[in-house]
């Protein structure tokens, strides 16, 4: 046979799957099933079947307006490959350096419409937040992305506050003011909740590999968001007592002063001394000021 090997064309079903993924990767915005079908000259039922299969495995995500975009499974794969190529540069190096400095997981969150998107996650020092991976989306409701909201206009702030339970709105209004005082948000949970978060993270990881459990995984993620803790007020942090800390988050600003993202570190510890709290705060605030690639 030697070098005279005929190229083998991919099967038509495989070509359709690859074409859909390539189209979504190249598109400037999410696409409807009909747009994808028309662009690829495929029947809408065929594209619907392809999207359903990809969505079940997390390779595409269907948004609330029924458009599609690349999903968390694709993003995780892309992030792993990107990290291999850019390990010593820009954003990945900065986030990895922060993770090593504080010895815990790190995540970068951006606001995308009515959702938050985890655009980068460093979890080789611990899971942050529990069960979350690159590409994961969650609703933009309190307390999600609080440090972004605190530095945004009323166009974002008012809908965010309105999404809270009526009895919690005053608490979240205080939180937005406290973030300006502290420069970040420090979240605390009791020791039992820390253990629960870790167990639920294992459940999320397991469900990520089960194509029929997407709905259950989304429910577990929602539960994680509900028990991730309450932000400390400045006076509560001003104590020499050890406190339980789940996450510390700080805003990332662009060169024009607009807030672009939220940087999160996840100690996930039941007892953190004052000196250690100060170190976490200083590290995440300093890192947020020099995050590359977002200016």
C-alpha atoms as a PDB file:
ATOM      1  CA  UNK A   1       0.000   0.000   0.000  1.00  0.00           C
ATOM      2  CA  UNK A   2       2.929   2.331   0.762  1.00  0.00           C
ATOM      3  CA  UNK A   3       2.217   6.027   0.320  1.00  0.00           C
ATOM      4  CA  UNK A   4      -0.700   5.494  -2.058  1.00  0.00           C
ATOM      5  CA  UNK A   5      -3.295   5.639   0.663  1.00  0.00           C
ATOM      6  CA  UNK A   6      -6.623   7.091  -0.381  1.00  0.00           C
ATOM      7  CA  UNK A   7      -7.972   9.714   2.007  1.00  0.00           C
ATOM      8  CA  UNK A   8     -11.014   8.493   3.856  1.00  0.00           C
ATOM      9  CA  UNK A   9     -13.884  10.965   4.013  1.00  0.00           C
ATOM     10  CA  UNK A  10     -15.659  11.310   7.319  1.00  0.00           C
ATOM     11  CA  UNK A  11     -19.114   9.816   7.426  1.00  0.00           C
ATOM     12  CA  UNK A  12     -21.960  12.220   6.626  1.00  0.00           C
ATOM     13  CA  UNK A  13     -23.241  12.197  10.253  1.00  0.00           C
ATOM     14  CA  UNK A  14     -19.755  13.038  11.506  1.00  0.00           C
ATOM     15  CA  UNK A  15     -19.400  15.811   8.947  1.00  0.00           C
ATOM     16  CA  UNK A  16     -22.690  17.330  10.083  1.00  0.00           C
ATOM     17  CA  UNK A  17     -21.630  17.351  13.747  1.00  0.00           C
ATOM     18  CA  UNK A  18     -18.265  18.935  12.899  1.00  0.00           C
ATOM     19  CA  UNK A  19     -19.942  21.502  10.649  1.00  0.00           C
ATOM     20  CA  UNK A  20     -22.348  22.571  13.382  1.00  0.00           C
ATOM     21  CA  UNK A  21     -19.535  22.983  15.912  1.00  0.00           C
ATOM     22  CA  UNK A  22     -17.392  24.910  13.422  1.00  0.00           C
ATOM     23  CA  UNK A  23     -20.277  27.203  12.571  1.00  0.00           C
ATOM     24  CA  UNK A  24     -20.950  28.003  16.232  1.00  0.00           C
ATOM     25  CA  UNK A  25     -17.246  28.561  16.861  1.00  0.00           C
ATOM     26  CA  UNK A  26     -16.997  31.022  13.954  1.00  0.00           C
ATOM     27  CA  UNK A  27     -20.291  32.846  14.599  1.00  0.00           C
ATOM     28  CA  UNK A  28     -20.181  36.292  16.179  1.00  0.00           C
ATOM     29  CA  UNK A  29     -23.321  35.549  18.191  1.00  0.00           C
ATOM     30  CA  UNK A  30     -25.460  32.553  19.223  1.00  0.00           C
ATOM     31  CA  UNK A  31     -27.463  30.968  16.398  1.00  0.00           C
ATOM     32  CA  UNK A  32     -30.954  29.512  16.166  1.00  0.00           C
ATOM     33  CA  UNK A  33     -31.476  25.998  14.887  1.00  0.00           C
ATOM     34  CA  UNK A  34     -33.082  27.433  11.758  1.00  0.00           C
ATOM     35  CA  UNK A  35     -30.099  29.719  11.088  1.00  0.00           C
ATOM     36  CA  UNK A  36     -27.710  26.790  11.416  1.00  0.00           C
ATOM     37  CA  UNK A  37     -29.811  24.631   9.106  1.00  0.00           C
ATOM     38  CA  UNK A  38     -30.053  27.340   6.451  1.00  0.00           C
ATOM     39  CA  UNK A  39     -26.351  28.146   6.601  1.00  0.00           C
ATOM     40  CA  UNK A  40     -25.320  24.494   6.271  1.00  0.00           C
ATOM     41  CA  UNK A  41     -28.058  23.604   3.748  1.00  0.00           C
ATOM     42  CA  UNK A  42     -29.350  20.878   6.046  1.00  0.00           C
ATOM     43  CA  UNK A  43     -32.891  20.013   7.048  1.00  0.00           C
ATOM     44  CA  UNK A  44     -34.087  21.558  10.272  1.00  0.00           C
ATOM     45  CA  UNK A  45     -34.938  18.167  11.720  1.00  0.00           C
ATOM     46  CA  UNK A  46     -31.388  16.941  11.054  1.00  0.00           C
ATOM     47  CA  UNK A  47     -29.860  19.986  12.714  1.00  0.00           C
ATOM     48  CA  UNK A  48     -32.287  19.621  15.611  1.00  0.00           C
ATOM     49  CA  UNK A  49     -31.137  16.038  16.166  1.00  0.00           C
ATOM     50  CA  UNK A  50     -27.470  17.051  16.023  1.00  0.00           C
ATOM     51  CA  UNK A  51     -28.012  19.903  18.482  1.00  0.00           C
ATOM     52  CA  UNK A  52     -29.962  17.673  20.859  1.00  0.00           C
ATOM     53  CA  UNK A  53     -27.151  15.136  20.942  1.00  0.00           C
ATOM     54  CA  UNK A  54     -24.472  17.795  21.401  1.00  0.00           C
ATOM     55  CA  UNK A  55     -26.492  19.524  24.103  1.00  0.00           C
ATOM     56  CA  UNK A  56     -26.962  16.270  26.030  1.00  0.00           C
ATOM     57  CA  UNK A  57     -23.174  15.926  26.263  1.00  0.00           C
ATOM     58  CA  UNK A  58     -22.559  19.587  27.065  1.00  0.00           C
ATOM     59  CA  UNK A  59     -20.907  20.438  23.731  1.00  0.00           C
ATOM     60  CA  UNK A  60     -23.493  23.104  22.968  1.00  0.00           C
ATOM     61  CA  UNK A  61     -25.640  25.237  25.236  1.00  0.00           C
ATOM     62  CA  UNK A  62     -29.187  26.416  24.501  1.00  0.00           C
ATOM     63  CA  UNK A  63     -29.872  29.884  25.838  1.00  0.00           C
ATOM     64  CA  UNK A  64     -33.126  31.227  27.157  1.00  0.00           C
ATOM     65  CA  UNK A  65     -33.964  32.781  23.773  1.00  0.00           C
ATOM     66  CA  UNK A  66     -33.581  29.325  22.113  1.00  0.00           C
ATOM     67  CA  UNK A  67     -30.323  30.210  20.386  1.00  0.00           C
ATOM     68  CA  UNK A  68     -27.298  27.921  20.600  1.00  0.00           C
ATOM     69  CA  UNK A  69     -23.653  28.489  21.458  1.00  0.00           C
ATOM     70  CA  UNK A  70     -20.673  26.330  22.323  1.00  0.00           C
ATOM     71  CA  UNK A  71     -21.190  24.584  25.659  1.00  0.00           C
ATOM     72  CA  UNK A  72     -19.109  23.823  28.751  1.00  0.00           C
ATOM     73  CA  UNK A  73     -17.745  20.495  27.481  1.00  0.00           C
ATOM     74  CA  UNK A  74     -16.356  22.201  24.376  1.00  0.00           C
ATOM     75  CA  UNK A  75     -15.028  25.072  26.494  1.00  0.00           C
ATOM     76  CA  UNK A  76     -13.302  22.696  28.916  1.00  0.00           C
ATOM     77  CA  UNK A  77     -11.565  20.918  26.053  1.00  0.00           C
ATOM     78  CA  UNK A  78     -10.577  24.211  24.439  1.00  0.00           C
ATOM     79  CA  UNK A  79      -9.310  25.553  27.763  1.00  0.00           C
ATOM     80  CA  UNK A  80      -7.157  22.490  28.362  1.00  0.00           C
ATOM     81  CA  UNK A  81      -5.595  22.800  24.924  1.00  0.00           C
ATOM     82  CA  UNK A  82      -5.215  26.561  25.215  1.00  0.00           C
ATOM     83  CA  UNK A  83      -3.520  26.139  28.566  1.00  0.00           C
ATOM     84  CA  UNK A  84      -0.981  23.782  27.020  1.00  0.00           C
ATOM     85  CA  UNK A  85      -0.129  26.398  24.388  1.00  0.00           C
ATOM     86  CA  UNK A  86      -0.168  29.518  26.566  1.00  0.00           C
ATOM     87  CA  UNK A  87       0.930  28.174  29.911  1.00  0.00           C
ATOM     88  CA  UNK A  88       3.612  30.822  30.361  1.00  0.00           C
ATOM     89  CA  UNK A  89       1.690  33.820  29.075  1.00  0.00           C
ATOM     90  CA  UNK A  90      -1.098  36.291  29.699  1.00  0.00           C
ATOM     91  CA  UNK A  91      -4.305  35.374  31.454  1.00  0.00           C
ATOM     92  CA  UNK A  92      -3.609  31.720  32.230  1.00  0.00           C
ATOM     93  CA  UNK A  93      -0.229  32.523  33.752  1.00  0.00           C
ATOM     94  CA  UNK A  94      -1.732  35.300  35.882  1.00  0.00           C
ATOM     95  CA  UNK A  95      -4.544  33.101  37.174  1.00  0.00           C
ATOM     96  CA  UNK A  96      -2.216  30.178  37.771  1.00  0.00           C
ATOM     97  CA  UNK A  97       0.147  32.466  39.661  1.00  0.00           C
ATOM     98  CA  UNK A  98      -2.692  33.659  41.884  1.00  0.00           C
ATOM     99  CA  UNK A  99      -3.792  30.065  42.528  1.00  0.00           C
ATOM    100  CA  UNK A 100      -0.269  29.176  43.616  1.00  0.00           C
ATOM    101  CA  UNK A 101       0.003  32.290  45.771  1.00  0.00           C
ATOM    102  CA  UNK A 102      -3.187  31.610  47.738  1.00  0.00           C
ATOM    103  CA  UNK A 103      -3.048  27.812  47.327  1.00  0.00           C
ATOM    104  CA  UNK A 104      -6.674  27.430  46.247  1.00  0.00           C
ATOM    105  CA  UNK A 105      -8.849  27.436  43.143  1.00  0.00           C
ATOM    106  CA  UNK A 106      -9.386  30.535  41.008  1.00  0.00           C
ATOM    107  CA  UNK A 107     -12.111  31.548  38.564  1.00  0.00           C
ATOM    108  CA  UNK A 108     -12.842  34.482  36.282  1.00  0.00           C
ATOM    109  CA  UNK A 109     -16.502  35.399  35.718  1.00  0.00           C
ATOM    110  CA  UNK A 110     -18.034  37.741  33.136  1.00  0.00           C
ATOM    111  CA  UNK A 111     -21.605  38.930  32.687  1.00  0.00           C
ATOM    112  CA  UNK A 112     -23.283  37.857  29.457  1.00  0.00           C
ATOM    113  CA  UNK A 113     -26.825  39.139  29.172  1.00  0.00           C
ATOM    114  CA  UNK A 114     -28.972  37.648  31.924  1.00  0.00           C
ATOM    115  CA  UNK A 115     -26.294  35.097  32.837  1.00  0.00           C
ATOM    116  CA  UNK A 116     -22.812  34.858  34.277  1.00  0.00           C
ATOM    117  CA  UNK A 117     -20.183  32.894  32.370  1.00  0.00           C
ATOM    118  CA  UNK A 118     -17.154  31.213  33.930  1.00  0.00           C
ATOM    119  CA  UNK A 119     -14.611  32.146  31.285  1.00  0.00           C
ATOM    120  CA  UNK A 120     -11.549  30.715  33.066  1.00  0.00           C
ATOM    121  CA  UNK A 121     -11.074  28.265  35.921  1.00  0.00           C
ATOM    122  CA  UNK A 122      -7.877  27.088  37.626  1.00  0.00           C
ATOM    123  CA  UNK A 123      -8.773  24.081  39.737  1.00  0.00           C
ATOM    124  CA  UNK A 124      -5.479  22.273  40.221  1.00  0.00           C
ATOM    125  CA  UNK A 125      -5.335  23.928  43.660  1.00  0.00           C
ATOM    126  CA  UNK A 126      -8.954  23.199  44.542  1.00  0.00           C
ATOM    127  CA  UNK A 127     -12.403  23.481  43.021  1.00  0.00           C
ATOM    128  CA  UNK A 128     -13.735  27.004  42.586  1.00  0.00           C
ATOM    129  CA  UNK A 129     -16.609  27.397  42.829  1.00  0.00           C
ATOM    130  CA  UNK A 130     -17.546  23.840  43.704  1.00  0.00           C
ATOM    131  CA  UNK A 131     -18.681  21.900  40.652  1.00  0.00           C
ATOM    132  CA  UNK A 132     -18.049  24.770  38.213  1.00  0.00           C
ATOM    133  CA  UNK A 133     -15.947  24.416  35.059  1.00  0.00           C
ATOM    134  CA  UNK A 134     -15.003  26.634  32.113  1.00  0.00           C
ATOM    135  CA  UNK A 135     -18.086  27.534  30.078  1.00  0.00           C
ATOM    136  CA  UNK A 136     -20.576  27.013  32.902  1.00  0.00           C
ATOM    137  CA  UNK A 137     -23.425  29.538  32.909  1.00  0.00           C
ATOM    138  CA  UNK A 138     -25.613  30.508  35.844  1.00  0.00           C
ATOM    139  CA  UNK A 139     -28.446  33.044  36.147  1.00  0.00           C
ATOM    140  CA  UNK A 140     -27.406  36.604  36.956  1.00  0.00           C
ATOM    141  CA  UNK A 141     -29.270  36.786  40.251  1.00  0.00           C
ATOM    142  CA  UNK A 142     -28.007  37.676  43.739  1.00  0.00           C
ATOM    143  CA  UNK A 143     -25.445  36.972  44.970  1.00  0.00           C
ATOM    144  CA  UNK A 144     -23.804  36.078  41.623  1.00  0.00           C
ATOM    145  CA  UNK A 145     -21.264  38.603  40.270  1.00  0.00           C
ATOM    146  CA  UNK A 146     -21.881  40.984  43.180  1.00  0.00           C
ATOM    147  CA  UNK A 147     -18.582  42.825  42.727  1.00  0.00           C
ATOM    148  CA  UNK A 148     -19.408  43.481  39.064  1.00  0.00           C
ATOM    149  CA  UNK A 149     -22.889  44.728  39.934  1.00  0.00           C
ATOM    150  CA  UNK A 150     -21.506  46.968  42.697  1.00  0.00           C
ATOM    151  CA  UNK A 151     -19.497  48.908  40.110  1.00  0.00           C
ATOM    152  CA  UNK A 152     -22.144  48.912  37.363  1.00  0.00           C
ATOM    153  CA  UNK A 153     -24.930  51.321  36.502  1.00  0.00           C
ATOM    154  CA  UNK A 154     -28.547  51.009  37.574  1.00  0.00           C
ATOM    155  CA  UNK A 155     -29.260  49.269  34.251  1.00  0.00           C
ATOM    156  CA  UNK A 156     -27.623  46.186  35.749  1.00  0.00           C
ATOM    157  CA  UNK A 157     -27.972  46.928  39.451  1.00  0.00           C
ATOM    158  CA  UNK A 158     -31.761  47.359  39.599  1.00  0.00           C
ATOM    159  CA  UNK A 159     -32.732  44.128  37.757  1.00  0.00           C
ATOM    160  CA  UNK A 160     -30.162  42.255  39.864  1.00  0.00           C
ATOM    161  CA  UNK A 161     -31.663  43.523  43.111  1.00  0.00           C
ATOM    162  CA  UNK A 162     -35.189  42.918  41.831  1.00  0.00           C
ATOM    163  CA  UNK A 163     -34.312  39.255  41.263  1.00  0.00           C
ATOM    164  CA  UNK A 164     -33.632  38.758  44.975  1.00  0.00           C
ATOM    165  CA  UNK A 165     -36.254  37.587  47.410  1.00  0.00           C
ATOM    166  CA  UNK A 166     -38.050  40.688  48.781  1.00  0.00           C
ATOM    167  CA  UNK A 167     -36.791  40.038  52.290  1.00  0.00           C
ATOM    168  CA  UNK A 168     -33.170  39.863  51.092  1.00  0.00           C
ATOM    169  CA  UNK A 169     -33.019  43.041  49.009  1.00  0.00           C
ATOM    170  CA  UNK A 170     -31.844  45.291  51.827  1.00  0.00           C
ATOM    171  CA  UNK A 171     -29.086  42.779  52.609  1.00  0.00           C
ATOM    172  CA  UNK A 172     -27.893  42.789  48.999  1.00  0.00           C
ATOM    173  CA  UNK A 173     -28.054  46.587  48.780  1.00  0.00           C
ATOM    174  CA  UNK A 174     -25.785  46.675  51.832  1.00  0.00           C
ATOM    175  CA  UNK A 175     -23.485  44.165  50.157  1.00  0.00           C
ATOM    176  CA  UNK A 176     -23.054  46.398  47.102  1.00  0.00           C
ATOM    177  CA  UNK A 177     -22.058  49.279  49.369  1.00  0.00           C
ATOM    178  CA  UNK A 178     -19.764  47.104  51.481  1.00  0.00           C
ATOM    179  CA  UNK A 179     -17.863  46.002  48.369  1.00  0.00           C
ATOM    180  CA  UNK A 180     -16.811  49.619  47.810  1.00  0.00           C
ATOM    181  CA  UNK A 181     -15.586  49.796  51.429  1.00  0.00           C
ATOM    182  CA  UNK A 182     -13.666  46.503  51.457  1.00  0.00           C
ATOM    183  CA  UNK A 183     -12.662  46.456  47.785  1.00  0.00           C
ATOM    184  CA  UNK A 184     -13.947  42.895  47.493  1.00  0.00           C
ATOM    185  CA  UNK A 185     -16.556  40.500  48.855  1.00  0.00           C
ATOM    186  CA  UNK A 186     -15.693  37.842  51.431  1.00  0.00           C
ATOM    187  CA  UNK A 187     -18.136  34.953  51.656  1.00  0.00           C
ATOM    188  CA  UNK A 188     -18.531  32.694  54.665  1.00  0.00           C
ATOM    189  CA  UNK A 189     -20.223  29.356  55.241  1.00  0.00           C
ATOM    190  CA  UNK A 190     -20.315  27.084  58.272  1.00  0.00           C
ATOM    191  CA  UNK A 191     -18.198  23.927  58.397  1.00  0.00           C
ATOM    192  CA  UNK A 192     -21.179  21.709  57.567  1.00  0.00           C
ATOM    193  CA  UNK A 193     -21.897  23.720  54.420  1.00  0.00           C
ATOM    194  CA  UNK A 194     -18.245  23.466  53.335  1.00  0.00           C
ATOM    195  CA  UNK A 195     -18.530  19.672  53.484  1.00  0.00           C
ATOM    196  CA  UNK A 196     -21.885  19.759  51.679  1.00  0.00           C
ATOM    197  CA  UNK A 197     -20.481  21.922  48.884  1.00  0.00           C
ATOM    198  CA  UNK A 198     -17.658  19.451  48.359  1.00  0.00           C
ATOM    199  CA  UNK A 199     -20.048  16.480  48.149  1.00  0.00           C
ATOM    200  CA  UNK A 200     -22.311  18.321  45.720  1.00  0.00           C
ATOM    201  CA  UNK A 201     -19.262  19.168  43.610  1.00  0.00           C
ATOM    202  CA  UNK A 202     -18.536  15.446  43.295  1.00  0.00           C
ATOM    203  CA  UNK A 203     -22.150  14.911  42.195  1.00  0.00           C
ATOM    204  CA  UNK A 204     -21.860  17.625  39.533  1.00  0.00           C
ATOM    205  CA  UNK A 205     -18.606  16.125  38.242  1.00  0.00           C
ATOM    206  CA  UNK A 206     -20.238  12.697  38.012  1.00  0.00           C
ATOM    207  CA  UNK A 207     -23.324  14.013  36.225  1.00  0.00           C
ATOM    208  CA  UNK A 208     -21.166  15.813  33.666  1.00  0.00           C
ATOM    209  CA  UNK A 209     -20.398  12.409  32.137  1.00  0.00           C
ATOM    210  CA  UNK A 210     -24.015  11.234  32.033  1.00  0.00           C
ATOM    211  CA  UNK A 211     -25.817  12.566  28.936  1.00  0.00           C
ATOM    212  CA  UNK A 212     -29.295  11.881  30.359  1.00  0.00           C
ATOM    213  CA  UNK A 213     -28.762  13.830  33.583  1.00  0.00           C
ATOM    214  CA  UNK A 214     -28.392  17.399  32.285  1.00  0.00           C
ATOM    215  CA  UNK A 215     -31.538  18.627  34.054  1.00  0.00           C
ATOM    216  CA  UNK A 216     -30.453  17.081  37.366  1.00  0.00           C
ATOM    217  CA  UNK A 217     -26.993  18.627  36.994  1.00  0.00           C
ATOM    218  CA  UNK A 218     -28.568  22.057  36.472  1.00  0.00           C
ATOM    219  CA  UNK A 219     -30.653  21.566  39.625  1.00  0.00           C
ATOM    220  CA  UNK A 220     -27.560  20.629  41.640  1.00  0.00           C
ATOM    221  CA  UNK A 221     -25.703  23.675  40.303  1.00  0.00           C
ATOM    222  CA  UNK A 222     -28.626  25.868  41.366  1.00  0.00           C
ATOM    223  CA  UNK A 223     -28.453  24.307  44.827  1.00  0.00           C
ATOM    224  CA  UNK A 224     -24.740  25.024  44.999  1.00  0.00           C
ATOM    225  CA  UNK A 225     -25.462  28.667  44.305  1.00  0.00           C
ATOM    226  CA  UNK A 226     -28.024  28.809  47.085  1.00  0.00           C
ATOM    227  CA  UNK A 227     -25.715  27.472  49.820  1.00  0.00           C
ATOM    228  CA  UNK A 228     -22.438  29.088  48.777  1.00  0.00           C
ATOM    229  CA  UNK A 229     -22.545  31.418  51.761  1.00  0.00           C
ATOM    230  CA  UNK A 230     -23.286  34.929  52.997  1.00  0.00           C
ATOM    231  CA  UNK A 231     -21.005  37.909  52.546  1.00  0.00           C
ATOM    232  CA  UNK A 232     -19.384  39.327  55.659  1.00  0.00           C
ATOM    233  CA  UNK A 233     -19.960  42.961  56.505  1.00  0.00           C
ATOM    234  CA  UNK A 234     -16.830  45.112  57.145  1.00  0.00           C
ATOM    235  CA  UNK A 235     -17.384  45.094  60.925  1.00  0.00           C
ATOM    236  CA  UNK A 236     -17.644  41.300  60.920  1.00  0.00           C
ATOM    237  CA  UNK A 237     -14.272  41.022  59.194  1.00  0.00           C
ATOM    238  CA  UNK A 238     -12.694  43.383  61.721  1.00  0.00           C
ATOM    239  CA  UNK A 239     -12.076  40.679  64.299  1.00  0.00           C
ATOM    240  CA  UNK A 240      -9.143  38.554  65.374  1.00  0.00           C
ATOM    241  CA  UNK A 241     -11.363  35.479  65.491  1.00  0.00           C
ATOM    242  CA  UNK A 242     -10.952  32.785  62.838  1.00  0.00           C
ATOM    243  CA  UNK A 243     -13.865  32.806  60.387  1.00  0.00           C
ATOM    244  CA  UNK A 244     -15.139  30.259  57.854  1.00  0.00           C
ATOM    245  CA  UNK A 245     -14.392  31.447  54.305  1.00  0.00           C
ATOM    246  CA  UNK A 246     -15.788  29.956  51.121  1.00  0.00           C
ATOM    247  CA  UNK A 247     -14.868  32.516  48.440  1.00  0.00           C
ATOM    248  CA  UNK A 248     -13.286  35.934  48.057  1.00  0.00           C
ATOM    249  CA  UNK A 249     -14.171  37.944  44.943  1.00  0.00           C
ATOM    250  CA  UNK A 250     -12.934  41.236  43.502  1.00  0.00           C
ATOM    251  CA  UNK A 251     -13.840  43.325  40.432  1.00  0.00           C
ATOM    252  CA  UNK A 252     -11.609  43.518  37.366  1.00  0.00           C
ATOM    253  CA  UNK A 253     -11.564  46.910  35.623  1.00  0.00           C
ATOM    254  CA  UNK A 254     -10.610  47.903  32.102  1.00  0.00           C
ATOM    255  CA  UNK A 255      -8.296  50.769  31.218  1.00  0.00           C
ATOM    256  CA  UNK A 256     -11.348  53.037  30.886  1.00  0.00           C
ATOM    257  CA  UNK A 257     -12.457  52.270  34.432  1.00  0.00           C
ATOM    258  CA  UNK A 258     -15.421  50.117  33.440  1.00  0.00           C
ATOM    259  CA  UNK A 259     -15.845  46.853  35.339  1.00  0.00           C
ATOM    260  CA  UNK A 260     -15.226  43.875  33.043  1.00  0.00           C
ATOM    261  CA  UNK A 261     -15.161  40.744  35.184  1.00  0.00           C
ATOM    262  CA  UNK A 262     -15.048  39.244  38.649  1.00  0.00           C
ATOM    263  CA  UNK A 263     -12.013  37.388  39.975  1.00  0.00           C
ATOM    264  CA  UNK A 264     -12.758  34.689  42.563  1.00  0.00           C
ATOM    265  CA  UNK A 265     -10.549  32.612  44.843  1.00  0.00           C
ATOM    266  CA  UNK A 266     -11.965  29.717  46.838  1.00  0.00           C
ATOM    267  CA  UNK A 267     -10.265  28.865  50.128  1.00  0.00           C
ATOM    268  CA  UNK A 268     -13.257  26.704  51.177  1.00  0.00           C
ATOM    269  CA  UNK A 269     -11.975  26.571  54.763  1.00  0.00           C
ATOM    270  CA  UNK A 270     -13.940  26.356  58.006  1.00  0.00           C
ATOM    271  CA  UNK A 271     -11.476  28.498  59.991  1.00  0.00           C
ATOM    272  CA  UNK A 272      -9.358  31.297  58.500  1.00  0.00           C
ATOM    273  CA  UNK A 273      -7.317  33.577  60.755  1.00  0.00           C
ATOM    274  CA  UNK A 274      -7.319  37.345  60.398  1.00  0.00           C
ATOM    275  CA  UNK A 275      -3.817  37.314  58.913  1.00  0.00           C
ATOM    276  CA  UNK A 276      -4.857  34.698  56.362  1.00  0.00           C
ATOM    277  CA  UNK A 277      -8.035  36.631  55.481  1.00  0.00           C
ATOM    278  CA  UNK A 278      -5.971  39.746  54.916  1.00  0.00           C
ATOM    279  CA  UNK A 279      -3.617  37.762  52.687  1.00  0.00           C
ATOM    280  CA  UNK A 280      -6.480  36.397  50.576  1.00  0.00           C
ATOM    281  CA  UNK A 281      -7.978  39.864  50.212  1.00  0.00           C
ATOM    282  CA  UNK A 282      -4.693  41.515  49.293  1.00  0.00           C
ATOM    283  CA  UNK A 283      -3.828  38.802  46.780  1.00  0.00           C
ATOM    284  CA  UNK A 284      -7.134  38.793  44.902  1.00  0.00           C
ATOM    285  CA  UNK A 285      -7.410  42.601  44.817  1.00  0.00           C
ATOM    286  CA  UNK A 286      -3.841  42.966  43.572  1.00  0.00           C
ATOM    287  CA  UNK A 287      -4.317  40.246  40.929  1.00  0.00           C
ATOM    288  CA  UNK A 288      -7.562  41.836  39.720  1.00  0.00           C
ATOM    289  CA  UNK A 289      -5.658  45.054  38.997  1.00  0.00           C
ATOM    290  CA  UNK A 290      -3.187  43.367  36.647  1.00  0.00           C
ATOM    291  CA  UNK A 291      -5.277  40.687  34.898  1.00  0.00           C
ATOM    292  CA  UNK A 292      -4.046  40.706  31.273  1.00  0.00           C
ATOM    293  CA  UNK A 293      -6.131  40.305  28.149  1.00  0.00           C
ATOM    294  CA  UNK A 294      -9.148  42.207  29.532  1.00  0.00           C
ATOM    295  CA  UNK A 295      -7.915  45.784  29.158  1.00  0.00           C
END
